[in-house]
Every structure is written in C-alpha cells, then in structure tokens.
Amino acid sequence: MPNEIIVHVVDDDLAVRQSLAFLLASDGIPVCLHESALSFLDAMPDAAAGCIVTDVRMPGMDGMEFLRRLNALNFAWPVIVMTGHADVPLAVEAMKEGAVDFVEKPFDDELLLTTIRRALASQAETAAASHQAGELRARLDALSEREAQVLAGLVAGKANKVIAFDLGISPRTVEIYRANVMTKMQAGSLSELVRMSLQAQAAQGQRNAG
C-alpha cells in the first residue's frame, strides 16, 4: 500500500483509538490518531492523504458537524463513521452528508478492515484519476490554437479533408497538425487520442459542476 495512504482515526475515546491503532498496524495499514474533530482539522493542512474513521458521537464537534465542515472545505477523502446500534439512523444521515460507509460498535475486526481497505482503494483510484486528468489537461493546454481545432475535428469524427475544408487549409497541413497533436498528447492511435480528449472534457465538466 502506498506510504502516502493513511487511516486517520478521529475518536475522543483513548481506548478506541489505541484498539484501532493496534488493529490497523497489525494489518500493515498506516494510522494516525486524533482525539477530536477539531484536532484533525488543525492538522489537516499537513495530513497525509487517505481516509477518515470517526465516531459519530463526540463532545464538542460531533461526527455530523465534522462531516459538514469537511464538505464546506471541499474535502474529498472517504469518511467512515462508527456508531452504536441505537445510532444507525444517525449513521444513515451521515452517509447523506457524504460518509462512504458506517460500522456499528462493537464492530467485527475483519468487517472494519474490509470497509477501510475499500475506502483506501477508492481514495487511491480517485487520486490516480485526478493525476491523470491533470496530465491530460496539461497536454491539451500545450496545443496551439490550430492543433486544438484539428483535435476537435478528429473527436467529432471528421475526416482530414472535411477538417481541412472547415479550417480553410490543405489536407496535407491537417496531417501535419494531426501528427503534432498525436505527439503532444502522447497518443499511440486515433482511438486513444479521442479517448484522452473525452476523458479530459469529462473531468473538466465535473470540476465545473462542482
């Protein structure tokens, strides 16, 4: 598991924090302990990426307010809430606030570990997708205006002759621009080039929607 992926346990109960630290460490999962939501928020700027496991009932800032604060900060790490049996409705409400899952106390160790592994895998995939989208956006930004126009024509499924007519240039010139686009985008085929472009557009649309 990548070193930068870590589980942040947020719970006011020292015994719970220590128990979870032992459980996670025994499974080879890096862990960082926080005694309150506020202590995590204070440490957040320097915190290693991963997921959060937090109690839903804590003094001061409880789990629900903690989730709302994270949402307000556009904080995208997965959050798992721990709850007593009587608090299941509250845990469901927490999921509506953005928590990815909840576990009931007393929890089964393997069930908790499975839930955490799933959250960490999701976080790793999200980080990888974000990095890839950023790379694609940088490649697109490196295209000249004419290269971008040729790319748009290719993505629209237009033949070189049609693109040439639309842009008022020769088909041979389109071929040169097309080759430049393939090189700058690091695409091995036209289908890969189209997929890259569509992927970058989708990522941009998600950012704009957010």
N, C-alpha and C. Protein backbone atom coordinates (compact mmCIF):
# COMPACT_ATOMS: atom_id res chain seq x y z
N MET A 1 0.85 -1.20 0.00
CA MET A 1 0.00 0.00 0.00
C MET A 1 0.88 1.24 0.00
N PRO A 2 0.60 2.24 -0.81
CA PRO A 2 1.44 3.42 -0.89
C PRO A 2 1.60 4.08 0.48
N ASN A 3 2.80 4.59 0.77
CA ASN A 3 3.07 5.18 2.07
C ASN A 3 2.21 6.39 2.35
N GLU A 4 1.80 7.09 1.28
CA GLU A 4 1.05 8.32 1.50
C GLU A 4 -0.41 8.06 1.85
N ILE A 5 -0.86 6.80 1.70
CA ILE A 5 -2.24 6.47 2.03
C ILE A 5 -2.30 6.04 3.49
N ILE A 6 -3.10 6.73 4.30
CA ILE A 6 -3.10 6.50 5.74
C ILE A 6 -4.53 6.61 6.27
N VAL A 7 -4.79 5.92 7.37
CA VAL A 7 -6.09 5.99 8.02
C VAL A 7 -6.00 6.96 9.19
N HIS A 8 -6.87 7.95 9.18
CA HIS A 8 -6.94 8.92 10.28
C HIS A 8 -8.12 8.53 11.17
N VAL A 9 -7.81 8.11 12.39
CA VAL A 9 -8.85 7.74 13.35
C VAL A 9 -9.16 8.95 14.21
N VAL A 10 -10.44 9.34 14.21
CA VAL A 10 -10.87 10.51 14.99
C VAL A 10 -11.89 10.03 16.03
N ASP A 11 -11.48 10.00 17.29
CA ASP A 11 -12.36 9.49 18.35
C ASP A 11 -11.87 10.05 19.69
N ASP A 12 -12.79 10.46 20.52
CA ASP A 12 -12.41 11.03 21.82
C ASP A 12 -12.06 9.96 22.84
N ASP A 13 -12.38 8.70 22.55
CA ASP A 13 -12.13 7.60 23.48
C ASP A 13 -10.73 7.04 23.24
N LEU A 14 -9.85 7.22 24.22
CA LEU A 14 -8.46 6.77 24.08
C LEU A 14 -8.38 5.27 23.83
N ALA A 15 -9.20 4.50 24.52
CA ALA A 15 -9.17 3.04 24.36
C ALA A 15 -9.54 2.64 22.94
N VAL A 16 -10.51 3.31 22.35
CA VAL A 16 -10.91 3.02 20.98
C VAL A 16 -9.78 3.38 20.02
N ARG A 17 -9.17 4.53 20.23
CA ARG A 17 -8.06 4.93 19.36
C ARG A 17 -6.92 3.92 19.41
N GLN A 18 -6.58 3.50 20.62
CA GLN A 18 -5.48 2.54 20.76
C GLN A 18 -5.83 1.19 20.15
N SER A 19 -7.07 0.76 20.34
CA SER A 19 -7.51 -0.51 19.79
C SER A 19 -7.45 -0.50 18.27
N LEU A 20 -7.94 0.59 17.67
CA LEU A 20 -7.92 0.71 16.21
C LEU A 20 -6.50 0.83 15.69
N ALA A 21 -5.65 1.52 16.42
CA ALA A 21 -4.26 1.65 16.00
C ALA A 21 -3.59 0.28 15.95
N PHE A 22 -3.85 -0.54 16.97
CA PHE A 22 -3.27 -1.89 17.01
C PHE A 22 -3.81 -2.74 15.87
N LEU A 23 -5.13 -2.68 15.65
CA LEU A 23 -5.77 -3.47 14.61
C LEU A 23 -5.22 -3.11 13.24
N LEU A 24 -5.15 -1.82 12.95
CA LEU A 24 -4.69 -1.37 11.63
C LEU A 24 -3.20 -1.67 11.43
N ALA A 25 -2.41 -1.43 12.47
CA ALA A 25 -0.98 -1.70 12.37
C ALA A 25 -0.72 -3.18 12.15
N SER A 26 -1.50 -4.04 12.79
CA SER A 26 -1.33 -5.49 12.62
C SER A 26 -1.66 -5.93 11.20
N ASP A 27 -2.44 -5.11 10.48
CA ASP A 27 -2.77 -5.42 9.09
C ASP A 27 -1.88 -4.65 8.12
N GLY A 28 -0.89 -3.96 8.65
CA GLY A 28 0.04 -3.24 7.79
C GLY A 28 -0.50 -1.93 7.23
N ILE A 29 -1.54 -1.38 7.88
CA ILE A 29 -2.14 -0.15 7.40
C ILE A 29 -1.66 1.02 8.27
N PRO A 30 -0.99 2.01 7.68
CA PRO A 30 -0.53 3.17 8.45
C PRO A 30 -1.71 3.90 9.09
N VAL A 31 -1.51 4.40 10.29
CA VAL A 31 -2.61 5.04 11.00
C VAL A 31 -2.11 6.28 11.73
N CYS A 32 -2.99 7.28 11.82
CA CYS A 32 -2.70 8.50 12.59
C CYS A 32 -3.91 8.75 13.49
N LEU A 33 -3.67 9.03 14.76
CA LEU A 33 -4.74 9.17 15.73
C LEU A 33 -5.02 10.64 16.06
N HIS A 34 -6.31 10.96 16.18
CA HIS A 34 -6.74 12.32 16.54
C HIS A 34 -7.80 12.21 17.62
N GLU A 35 -7.66 13.00 18.68
CA GLU A 35 -8.58 12.88 19.82
C GLU A 35 -9.88 13.63 19.63
N SER A 36 -9.98 14.43 18.58
CA SER A 36 -11.22 15.18 18.31
C SER A 36 -11.26 15.62 16.87
N ALA A 37 -12.45 16.02 16.43
CA ALA A 37 -12.59 16.54 15.06
C ALA A 37 -11.77 17.81 14.90
N LEU A 38 -11.77 18.64 15.92
CA LEU A 38 -11.03 19.90 15.84
C LEU A 38 -9.53 19.66 15.72
N SER A 39 -9.03 18.63 16.43
CA SER A 39 -7.59 18.35 16.34
C SER A 39 -7.23 17.86 14.94
N PHE A 40 -8.14 17.11 14.31
CA PHE A 40 -7.88 16.70 12.93
C PHE A 40 -7.88 17.91 12.00
N LEU A 41 -8.88 18.78 12.15
CA LEU A 41 -8.97 19.95 11.29
C LEU A 41 -7.74 20.83 11.44
N ASP A 42 -7.20 20.91 12.66
CA ASP A 42 -5.98 21.69 12.87
C ASP A 42 -4.79 21.07 12.13
N ALA A 43 -4.76 19.73 12.10
CA ALA A 43 -3.65 19.03 11.48
C ALA A 43 -3.85 18.81 9.98
N MET A 44 -5.05 19.07 9.49
CA MET A 44 -5.42 18.71 8.12
C MET A 44 -4.49 19.26 7.05
N PRO A 45 -4.02 20.50 7.13
CA PRO A 45 -3.17 21.01 6.04
C PRO A 45 -1.92 20.16 5.79
N ASP A 46 -1.42 19.50 6.85
CA ASP A 46 -0.19 18.70 6.72
C ASP A 46 -0.47 17.20 6.76
N ALA A 47 -1.75 16.82 6.80
CA ALA A 47 -2.09 15.41 6.95
C ALA A 47 -1.85 14.65 5.66
N ALA A 48 -1.35 13.41 5.80
CA ALA A 48 -1.14 12.55 4.64
C ALA A 48 -2.49 12.07 4.14
N ALA A 49 -2.60 11.90 2.82
CA ALA A 49 -3.86 11.51 2.20
C ALA A 49 -4.26 10.10 2.62
N GLY A 50 -5.56 9.85 2.64
CA GLY A 50 -6.07 8.53 2.99
C GLY A 50 -7.55 8.57 3.23
N CYS A 51 -7.98 7.99 4.35
CA CYS A 51 -9.39 8.03 4.69
C CYS A 51 -9.53 8.35 6.18
N ILE A 52 -10.76 8.67 6.59
CA ILE A 52 -11.04 9.04 7.97
C ILE A 52 -12.01 8.03 8.56
N VAL A 53 -11.71 7.56 9.77
CA VAL A 53 -12.65 6.74 10.54
C VAL A 53 -12.99 7.55 11.78
N THR A 54 -14.24 7.95 11.92
CA THR A 54 -14.61 8.83 13.02
C THR A 54 -15.85 8.35 13.75
N ASP A 55 -15.87 8.61 15.04
CA ASP A 55 -17.07 8.32 15.82
C ASP A 55 -18.13 9.35 15.47
N VAL A 56 -19.39 8.94 15.47
CA VAL A 56 -20.45 9.87 15.13
C VAL A 56 -20.84 10.72 16.33
N ARG A 57 -20.57 10.20 17.54
CA ARG A 57 -20.88 10.96 18.76
C ARG A 57 -19.60 11.31 19.49
N MET A 58 -19.28 12.59 19.50
CA MET A 58 -18.09 13.08 20.20
C MET A 58 -18.43 14.41 20.86
N PRO A 59 -17.79 14.72 21.99
CA PRO A 59 -18.01 16.03 22.62
C PRO A 59 -17.45 17.14 21.74
N GLY A 60 -17.96 18.33 21.92
CA GLY A 60 -17.52 19.44 21.08
C GLY A 60 -18.13 19.30 19.70
N MET A 61 -17.32 19.10 18.69
CA MET A 61 -17.81 18.88 17.33
C MET A 61 -18.09 17.40 17.12
N ASP A 62 -19.35 17.04 16.92
CA ASP A 62 -19.68 15.63 16.71
C ASP A 62 -19.43 15.23 15.25
N GLY A 63 -19.68 13.94 14.95
CA GLY A 63 -19.38 13.42 13.62
C GLY A 63 -20.15 14.11 12.52
N MET A 64 -21.41 14.46 12.79
CA MET A 64 -22.22 15.12 11.77
C MET A 64 -21.67 16.50 11.42
N GLU A 65 -21.35 17.27 12.45
CA GLU A 65 -20.81 18.60 12.22
C GLU A 65 -19.43 18.50 11.56
N PHE A 66 -18.69 17.48 11.94
CA PHE A 66 -17.38 17.22 11.33
C PHE A 66 -17.53 17.00 9.83
N LEU A 67 -18.50 16.18 9.43
CA LEU A 67 -18.75 15.93 8.01
C LEU A 67 -19.15 17.22 7.29
N ARG A 68 -20.01 17.99 7.92
CA ARG A 68 -20.45 19.25 7.28
C ARG A 68 -19.27 20.19 7.10
N ARG A 69 -18.38 20.23 8.09
CA ARG A 69 -17.20 21.09 7.98
C ARG A 69 -16.29 20.62 6.85
N LEU A 70 -16.11 19.31 6.73
CA LEU A 70 -15.29 18.76 5.65
C LEU A 70 -15.90 19.08 4.29
N ASN A 71 -17.23 18.97 4.21
CA ASN A 71 -17.92 19.29 2.95
C ASN A 71 -17.72 20.75 2.59
N ALA A 72 -17.80 21.62 3.59
CA ALA A 72 -17.63 23.06 3.35
C ALA A 72 -16.22 23.37 2.85
N LEU A 73 -15.28 22.52 3.23
CA LEU A 73 -13.89 22.71 2.82
C LEU A 73 -13.57 21.96 1.52
N ASN A 74 -14.63 21.36 0.90
CA ASN A 74 -14.46 20.56 -0.33
C ASN A 74 -13.43 19.46 -0.13
N PHE A 75 -13.49 18.84 1.04
CA PHE A 75 -12.55 17.79 1.42
C PHE A 75 -13.04 16.46 0.87
N ALA A 76 -12.24 15.82 0.01
CA ALA A 76 -12.75 14.69 -0.77
C ALA A 76 -12.34 13.31 -0.24
N TRP A 77 -11.64 13.22 0.89
CA TRP A 77 -11.26 11.90 1.38
C TRP A 77 -12.49 11.12 1.83
N PRO A 78 -12.50 9.79 1.65
CA PRO A 78 -13.63 9.00 2.14
C PRO A 78 -13.68 8.99 3.66
N VAL A 79 -14.89 9.05 4.20
CA VAL A 79 -15.09 9.06 5.65
C VAL A 79 -15.98 7.88 6.04
N ILE A 80 -15.51 7.12 7.02
CA ILE A 80 -16.28 6.02 7.59
C ILE A 80 -16.68 6.43 9.01
N VAL A 81 -17.95 6.28 9.35
CA VAL A 81 -18.39 6.66 10.68
C VAL A 81 -18.62 5.41 11.53
N MET A 82 -18.27 5.50 12.80
CA MET A 82 -18.52 4.44 13.76
C MET A 82 -19.72 4.84 14.61
N THR A 83 -20.59 3.90 14.87
CA THR A 83 -21.82 4.24 15.56
C THR A 83 -22.30 3.09 16.44
N GLY A 84 -23.01 3.44 17.52
CA GLY A 84 -23.67 2.44 18.34
C GLY A 84 -24.94 1.98 17.63
N HIS A 85 -25.46 0.83 18.02
CA HIS A 85 -26.63 0.27 17.35
C HIS A 85 -27.80 1.26 17.34
N ALA A 86 -27.98 1.98 18.45
CA ALA A 86 -29.11 2.90 18.54
C ALA A 86 -28.94 4.11 17.63
N ASP A 87 -27.74 4.30 17.12
CA ASP A 87 -27.45 5.49 16.30
C ASP A 87 -27.41 5.20 14.81
N VAL A 88 -27.92 4.04 14.40
CA VAL A 88 -27.90 3.70 12.98
C VAL A 88 -28.61 4.76 12.12
N PRO A 89 -29.80 5.26 12.54
CA PRO A 89 -30.42 6.33 11.75
C PRO A 89 -29.51 7.54 11.57
N LEU A 90 -28.73 7.84 12.62
CA LEU A 90 -27.79 8.96 12.54
C LEU A 90 -26.68 8.63 11.56
N ALA A 91 -26.26 7.37 11.53
CA ALA A 91 -25.22 6.96 10.58
C ALA A 91 -25.71 7.06 9.14
N VAL A 92 -26.97 6.70 8.94
CA VAL A 92 -27.55 6.82 7.59
C VAL A 92 -27.57 8.29 7.18
N GLU A 93 -27.92 9.16 8.14
CA GLU A 93 -27.90 10.60 7.87
C GLU A 93 -26.48 11.06 7.53
N ALA A 94 -25.51 10.46 8.20
CA ALA A 94 -24.11 10.81 7.94
C ALA A 94 -23.73 10.45 6.51
N MET A 95 -24.24 9.32 6.02
CA MET A 95 -23.94 8.93 4.64
C MET A 95 -24.56 9.92 3.66
N LYS A 96 -25.71 10.47 4.01
CA LYS A 96 -26.31 11.51 3.18
C LYS A 96 -25.45 12.76 3.16
N GLU A 97 -24.66 12.94 4.23
CA GLU A 97 -23.76 14.09 4.31
C GLU A 97 -22.42 13.82 3.64
N GLY A 98 -22.25 12.59 3.11
CA GLY A 98 -21.03 12.30 2.37
C GLY A 98 -20.19 11.16 2.88
N ALA A 99 -20.52 10.59 4.05
CA ALA A 99 -19.76 9.43 4.54
C ALA A 99 -19.94 8.28 3.55
N VAL A 100 -18.88 7.51 3.34
CA VAL A 100 -18.96 6.42 2.36
C VAL A 100 -19.51 5.14 2.97
N ASP A 101 -19.42 5.00 4.30
CA ASP A 101 -19.90 3.78 4.94
C ASP A 101 -19.97 4.01 6.45
N PHE A 102 -20.58 3.06 7.16
CA PHE A 102 -20.57 3.12 8.61
C PHE A 102 -20.43 1.71 9.17
N VAL A 103 -19.88 1.63 10.38
CA VAL A 103 -19.74 0.35 11.07
C VAL A 103 -20.33 0.50 12.46
N GLU A 104 -21.01 -0.53 12.91
CA GLU A 104 -21.65 -0.50 14.22
C GLU A 104 -20.70 -1.04 15.29
N LYS A 105 -20.71 -0.39 16.46
CA LYS A 105 -19.97 -0.87 17.61
C LYS A 105 -20.85 -1.85 18.39
N PRO A 106 -20.28 -2.89 18.99
CA PRO A 106 -18.89 -3.33 18.79
C PRO A 106 -18.72 -3.94 17.41
N PHE A 107 -17.71 -3.52 16.69
CA PHE A 107 -17.58 -3.94 15.30
C PHE A 107 -16.71 -5.19 15.18
N ASP A 108 -16.98 -5.94 14.13
CA ASP A 108 -16.17 -7.09 13.78
C ASP A 108 -14.88 -6.59 13.13
N ASP A 109 -13.75 -7.06 13.62
CA ASP A 109 -12.47 -6.55 13.14
C ASP A 109 -12.31 -6.71 11.63
N GLU A 110 -12.64 -7.88 11.11
CA GLU A 110 -12.45 -8.12 9.68
C GLU A 110 -13.40 -7.27 8.84
N LEU A 111 -14.62 -7.08 9.35
CA LEU A 111 -15.56 -6.23 8.64
C LEU A 111 -15.05 -4.79 8.57
N LEU A 112 -14.51 -4.31 9.68
CA LEU A 112 -13.97 -2.95 9.70
C LEU A 112 -12.78 -2.84 8.75
N LEU A 113 -11.89 -3.82 8.79
CA LEU A 113 -10.73 -3.78 7.91
C LEU A 113 -11.14 -3.81 6.44
N THR A 114 -12.14 -4.63 6.12
CA THR A 114 -12.63 -4.69 4.74
C THR A 114 -13.19 -3.35 4.31
N THR A 115 -13.95 -2.72 5.20
CA THR A 115 -14.53 -1.41 4.90
C THR A 115 -13.44 -0.37 4.68
N ILE A 116 -12.40 -0.41 5.51
CA ILE A 116 -11.30 0.55 5.40
C ILE A 116 -10.49 0.30 4.13
N ARG A 117 -10.22 -0.97 3.83
CA ARG A 117 -9.48 -1.27 2.60
C ARG A 117 -10.23 -0.77 1.38
N ARG A 118 -11.54 -0.94 1.39
CA ARG A 118 -12.36 -0.49 0.26
C ARG A 118 -12.28 1.04 0.12
N ALA A 119 -12.32 1.74 1.25
CA ALA A 119 -12.24 3.20 1.22
C ALA A 119 -10.87 3.67 0.73
N LEU A 120 -9.81 2.99 1.19
CA LEU A 120 -8.46 3.35 0.77
C LEU A 120 -8.26 3.10 -0.72
N ALA A 121 -8.80 1.97 -1.20
CA ALA A 121 -8.69 1.66 -2.63
C ALA A 121 -9.41 2.72 -3.45
N SER A 122 -10.57 3.15 -2.96
CA SER A 122 -11.33 4.19 -3.65
C SER A 122 -10.54 5.50 -3.67
N GLN A 123 -9.90 5.82 -2.54
CA GLN A 123 -9.12 7.05 -2.46
C GLN A 123 -7.93 7.00 -3.42
N ALA A 124 -7.28 5.84 -3.49
CA ALA A 124 -6.13 5.69 -4.38
C ALA A 124 -6.55 5.84 -5.84
N GLU A 125 -7.69 5.24 -6.19
CA GLU A 125 -8.19 5.34 -7.57
C GLU A 125 -8.56 6.78 -7.91
N THR A 126 -9.18 7.46 -6.94
CA THR A 126 -9.56 8.86 -7.18
C THR A 126 -8.33 9.74 -7.38
N ALA A 127 -7.31 9.50 -6.55
CA ALA A 127 -6.08 10.29 -6.66
C ALA A 127 -5.40 10.03 -8.01
N ALA A 128 -5.39 8.75 -8.43
CA ALA A 128 -4.76 8.40 -9.70
C ALA A 128 -5.53 9.04 -10.86
N ALA A 129 -6.86 9.00 -10.79
CA ALA A 129 -7.67 9.58 -11.86
C ALA A 129 -7.48 11.09 -11.92
N SER A 130 -7.38 11.72 -10.75
CA SER A 130 -7.18 13.17 -10.70
C SER A 130 -5.82 13.54 -11.30
N HIS A 131 -4.80 12.74 -10.98
CA HIS A 131 -3.45 12.99 -11.51
C HIS A 131 -3.45 12.83 -13.03
N GLN A 132 -4.11 11.77 -13.51
CA GLN A 132 -4.16 11.52 -14.94
C GLN A 132 -4.90 12.63 -15.67
N ALA A 133 -6.02 13.08 -15.08
CA ALA A 133 -6.79 14.15 -15.69
C ALA A 133 -5.96 15.43 -15.76
N GLY A 134 -5.18 15.68 -14.72
CA GLY A 134 -4.32 16.86 -14.71
C GLY A 134 -3.27 16.79 -15.80
N GLU A 135 -2.71 15.60 -15.99
CA GLU A 135 -1.71 15.43 -17.05
C GLU A 135 -2.32 15.66 -18.43
N LEU A 136 -3.52 15.11 -18.63
CA LEU A 136 -4.19 15.29 -19.92
C LEU A 136 -4.52 16.75 -20.17
N ARG A 137 -4.97 17.43 -19.13
CA ARG A 137 -5.29 18.85 -19.27
C ARG A 137 -4.03 19.64 -19.63
N ALA A 138 -2.90 19.30 -19.03
CA ALA A 138 -1.64 19.99 -19.34
C ALA A 138 -1.24 19.75 -20.80
N ARG A 139 -1.45 18.53 -21.28
CA ARG A 139 -1.12 18.24 -22.68
C ARG A 139 -2.04 19.03 -23.62
N LEU A 140 -3.32 19.08 -23.28
CA LEU A 140 -4.26 19.84 -24.11
C LEU A 140 -3.90 21.32 -24.13
N ASP A 141 -3.51 21.83 -22.97
CA ASP A 141 -3.16 23.25 -22.88
C ASP A 141 -1.91 23.57 -23.69
N ALA A 142 -1.09 22.55 -23.95
CA ALA A 142 0.15 22.76 -24.71
C ALA A 142 -0.10 22.82 -26.22
N LEU A 143 -1.31 22.46 -26.65
CA LEU A 143 -1.64 22.50 -28.08
C LEU A 143 -1.81 23.95 -28.53
N SER A 144 -1.40 24.20 -29.76
CA SER A 144 -1.65 25.52 -30.33
C SER A 144 -3.13 25.63 -30.68
N GLU A 145 -3.58 26.84 -31.01
CA GLU A 145 -4.99 27.03 -31.34
C GLU A 145 -5.39 26.17 -32.54
N ARG A 146 -4.54 26.12 -33.56
CA ARG A 146 -4.86 25.34 -34.75
C ARG A 146 -4.85 23.84 -34.43
N GLU A 147 -3.88 23.41 -33.63
CA GLU A 147 -3.84 21.99 -33.24
C GLU A 147 -5.09 21.61 -32.47
N ALA A 148 -5.56 22.50 -31.59
CA ALA A 148 -6.78 22.24 -30.83
C ALA A 148 -7.98 22.15 -31.76
N GLN A 149 -8.00 22.97 -32.81
CA GLN A 149 -9.10 22.93 -33.77
C GLN A 149 -9.10 21.61 -34.54
N VAL A 150 -7.91 21.15 -34.92
CA VAL A 150 -7.81 19.87 -35.62
C VAL A 150 -8.24 18.74 -34.68
N LEU A 151 -7.83 18.80 -33.43
CA LEU A 151 -8.24 17.78 -32.46
C LEU A 151 -9.76 17.75 -32.32
N ALA A 152 -10.37 18.92 -32.24
CA ALA A 152 -11.83 18.99 -32.11
C ALA A 152 -12.50 18.32 -33.31
N GLY A 153 -11.93 18.52 -34.49
CA GLY A 153 -12.48 17.88 -35.68
C GLY A 153 -12.34 16.37 -35.63
N LEU A 154 -11.20 15.91 -35.16
CA LEU A 154 -10.97 14.47 -35.05
C LEU A 154 -11.92 13.83 -34.04
N VAL A 155 -12.10 14.49 -32.91
CA VAL A 155 -13.01 13.98 -31.88
C VAL A 155 -14.44 13.95 -32.39
N ALA A 156 -14.77 14.89 -33.28
CA ALA A 156 -16.11 14.94 -33.86
C ALA A 156 -16.29 13.88 -34.95
N GLY A 157 -15.19 13.14 -35.25
CA GLY A 157 -15.29 12.08 -36.24
C GLY A 157 -15.13 12.54 -37.67
N LYS A 158 -14.59 13.71 -37.88
CA LYS A 158 -14.44 14.26 -39.22
C LYS A 158 -13.17 13.74 -39.90
N ALA A 159 -13.26 13.53 -41.18
CA ALA A 159 -12.09 13.11 -41.97
C ALA A 159 -11.16 14.30 -42.17
N ASN A 160 -9.91 14.01 -42.51
CA ASN A 160 -8.93 15.07 -42.72
C ASN A 160 -9.40 16.10 -43.75
N LYS A 161 -10.01 15.62 -44.84
CA LYS A 161 -10.46 16.53 -45.90
C LYS A 161 -11.55 17.47 -45.39
N VAL A 162 -12.42 16.95 -44.55
CA VAL A 162 -13.50 17.78 -44.00
C VAL A 162 -12.93 18.82 -43.05
N ILE A 163 -11.99 18.39 -42.20
CA ILE A 163 -11.35 19.33 -41.27
C ILE A 163 -10.62 20.41 -42.06
N ALA A 164 -9.94 20.00 -43.12
CA ALA A 164 -9.21 20.96 -43.96
C ALA A 164 -10.16 21.98 -44.56
N PHE A 165 -11.30 21.52 -45.06
CA PHE A 165 -12.29 22.43 -45.64
C PHE A 165 -12.82 23.40 -44.59
N ASP A 166 -13.15 22.87 -43.41
CA ASP A 166 -13.70 23.70 -42.33
C ASP A 166 -12.72 24.80 -41.91
N LEU A 167 -11.42 24.45 -41.89
CA LEU A 167 -10.42 25.40 -41.40
C LEU A 167 -9.77 26.21 -42.51
N GLY A 168 -10.09 25.89 -43.76
CA GLY A 168 -9.53 26.63 -44.88
C GLY A 168 -8.06 26.36 -45.09
N ILE A 169 -7.63 25.12 -44.81
CA ILE A 169 -6.23 24.74 -45.01
C ILE A 169 -6.21 23.46 -45.85
N SER A 170 -5.02 23.03 -46.26
CA SER A 170 -4.91 21.84 -47.11
C SER A 170 -4.96 20.58 -46.26
N PRO A 171 -5.41 19.47 -46.87
CA PRO A 171 -5.41 18.19 -46.15
C PRO A 171 -4.01 17.82 -45.65
N ARG A 172 -2.99 18.15 -46.45
CA ARG A 172 -1.61 17.86 -46.04
C ARG A 172 -1.26 18.60 -44.75
N THR A 173 -1.71 19.84 -44.65
CA THR A 173 -1.45 20.63 -43.44
C THR A 173 -2.18 20.03 -42.24
N VAL A 174 -3.37 19.53 -42.49
CA VAL A 174 -4.13 18.86 -41.42
C VAL A 174 -3.36 17.65 -40.92
N GLU A 175 -2.75 16.91 -41.85
CA GLU A 175 -1.98 15.72 -41.47
C GLU A 175 -0.80 16.10 -40.58
N ILE A 176 -0.17 17.23 -40.90
CA ILE A 176 0.96 17.70 -40.08
C ILE A 176 0.49 18.08 -38.68
N TYR A 177 -0.61 18.83 -38.63
CA TYR A 177 -1.16 19.21 -37.31
C TYR A 177 -1.59 17.96 -36.53
N ARG A 178 -2.19 17.01 -37.25
CA ARG A 178 -2.65 15.78 -36.59
C ARG A 178 -1.47 15.03 -35.98
N ALA A 179 -0.37 14.96 -36.71
CA ALA A 179 0.83 14.29 -36.20
C ALA A 179 1.37 15.02 -34.96
N ASN A 180 1.33 16.35 -35.02
CA ASN A 180 1.78 17.14 -33.86
C ASN A 180 0.91 16.87 -32.64
N VAL A 181 -0.40 16.80 -32.88
CA VAL A 181 -1.35 16.55 -31.78
C VAL A 181 -1.08 15.17 -31.17
N MET A 182 -0.88 14.17 -32.01
CA MET A 182 -0.60 12.82 -31.52
C MET A 182 0.65 12.80 -30.65
N THR A 183 1.67 13.54 -31.09
CA THR A 183 2.93 13.58 -30.34
C THR A 183 2.74 14.30 -29.00
N LYS A 184 2.13 15.48 -29.03
CA LYS A 184 1.96 16.26 -27.80
C LYS A 184 1.04 15.57 -26.80
N MET A 185 0.04 14.87 -27.29
CA MET A 185 -0.90 14.17 -26.40
C MET A 185 -0.37 12.79 -26.00
N GLN A 186 0.74 12.37 -26.59
CA GLN A 186 1.36 11.06 -26.29
C GLN A 186 0.36 9.93 -26.56
N ALA A 187 -0.34 10.06 -27.68
CA ALA A 187 -1.35 9.06 -28.08
C ALA A 187 -0.76 8.13 -29.13
N GLY A 188 -1.00 6.82 -28.96
CA GLY A 188 -0.47 5.85 -29.90
C GLY A 188 -1.39 5.56 -31.06
N SER A 189 -2.64 6.02 -30.96
CA SER A 189 -3.61 5.76 -32.02
C SER A 189 -4.69 6.84 -31.98
N LEU A 190 -5.47 6.90 -33.05
CA LEU A 190 -6.56 7.87 -33.09
C LEU A 190 -7.58 7.57 -32.01
N SER A 191 -7.87 6.30 -31.78
CA SER A 191 -8.86 5.95 -30.75
C SER A 191 -8.38 6.38 -29.36
N GLU A 192 -7.08 6.22 -29.10
CA GLU A 192 -6.53 6.65 -27.82
C GLU A 192 -6.60 8.17 -27.68
N LEU A 193 -6.32 8.86 -28.79
CA LEU A 193 -6.39 10.32 -28.79
C LEU A 193 -7.81 10.79 -28.46
N VAL A 194 -8.80 10.18 -29.10
CA VAL A 194 -10.19 10.55 -28.84
C VAL A 194 -10.57 10.25 -27.40
N ARG A 195 -10.15 9.09 -26.89
CA ARG A 195 -10.47 8.73 -25.50
C ARG A 195 -9.86 9.73 -24.53
N MET A 196 -8.61 10.12 -24.77
CA MET A 196 -7.95 11.10 -23.92
C MET A 196 -8.71 12.42 -23.89
N SER A 197 -9.10 12.87 -25.07
CA SER A 197 -9.80 14.15 -25.17
C SER A 197 -11.14 14.10 -24.45
N LEU A 198 -11.87 13.03 -24.65
CA LEU A 198 -13.18 12.89 -24.00
C LEU A 198 -13.02 12.78 -22.48
N GLN A 199 -11.98 12.08 -22.04
CA GLN A 199 -11.73 11.94 -20.62
C GLN A 199 -11.42 13.28 -19.98
N ALA A 200 -10.60 14.09 -20.67
CA ALA A 200 -10.25 15.41 -20.16
C ALA A 200 -11.48 16.32 -20.11
N GLN A 201 -12.33 16.22 -21.15
CA GLN A 201 -13.54 17.03 -21.18
C GLN A 201 -14.49 16.65 -20.05
N ALA A 202 -14.61 15.34 -19.78
CA ALA A 202 -15.47 14.86 -18.70
C ALA A 202 -14.98 15.35 -17.35
N ALA A 203 -13.65 15.30 -17.14
CA ALA A 203 -13.07 15.76 -15.88
C ALA A 203 -13.30 17.26 -15.71
N GLN A 204 -13.15 18.02 -16.79
CA GLN A 204 -13.38 19.46 -16.74
C GLN A 204 -14.84 19.75 -16.41
N GLY A 205 -15.74 18.97 -17.00
CA GLY A 205 -17.17 19.16 -16.73
C GLY A 205 -17.51 18.88 -15.28
N GLN A 206 -16.86 17.87 -14.68
CA GLN A 206 -17.11 17.54 -13.27
C GLN A 206 -16.61 18.66 -12.38
N ARG A 207 -15.43 19.22 -12.72
CA ARG A 207 -14.91 20.35 -11.92
C ARG A 207 -15.82 21.55 -12.01
N ASN A 208 -16.32 21.83 -13.22
CA ASN A 208 -17.22 22.98 -13.39
C ASN A 208 -18.52 22.78 -12.63
N ALA A 209 -19.02 21.52 -12.62
CA ALA A 209 -20.26 21.24 -11.92
C ALA A 209 -20.08 21.36 -10.43
N GLY A 210 -18.87 20.98 -9.95
CA GLY A 210 -18.61 21.06 -8.52
C GLY A 210 -18.43 22.48 -8.07
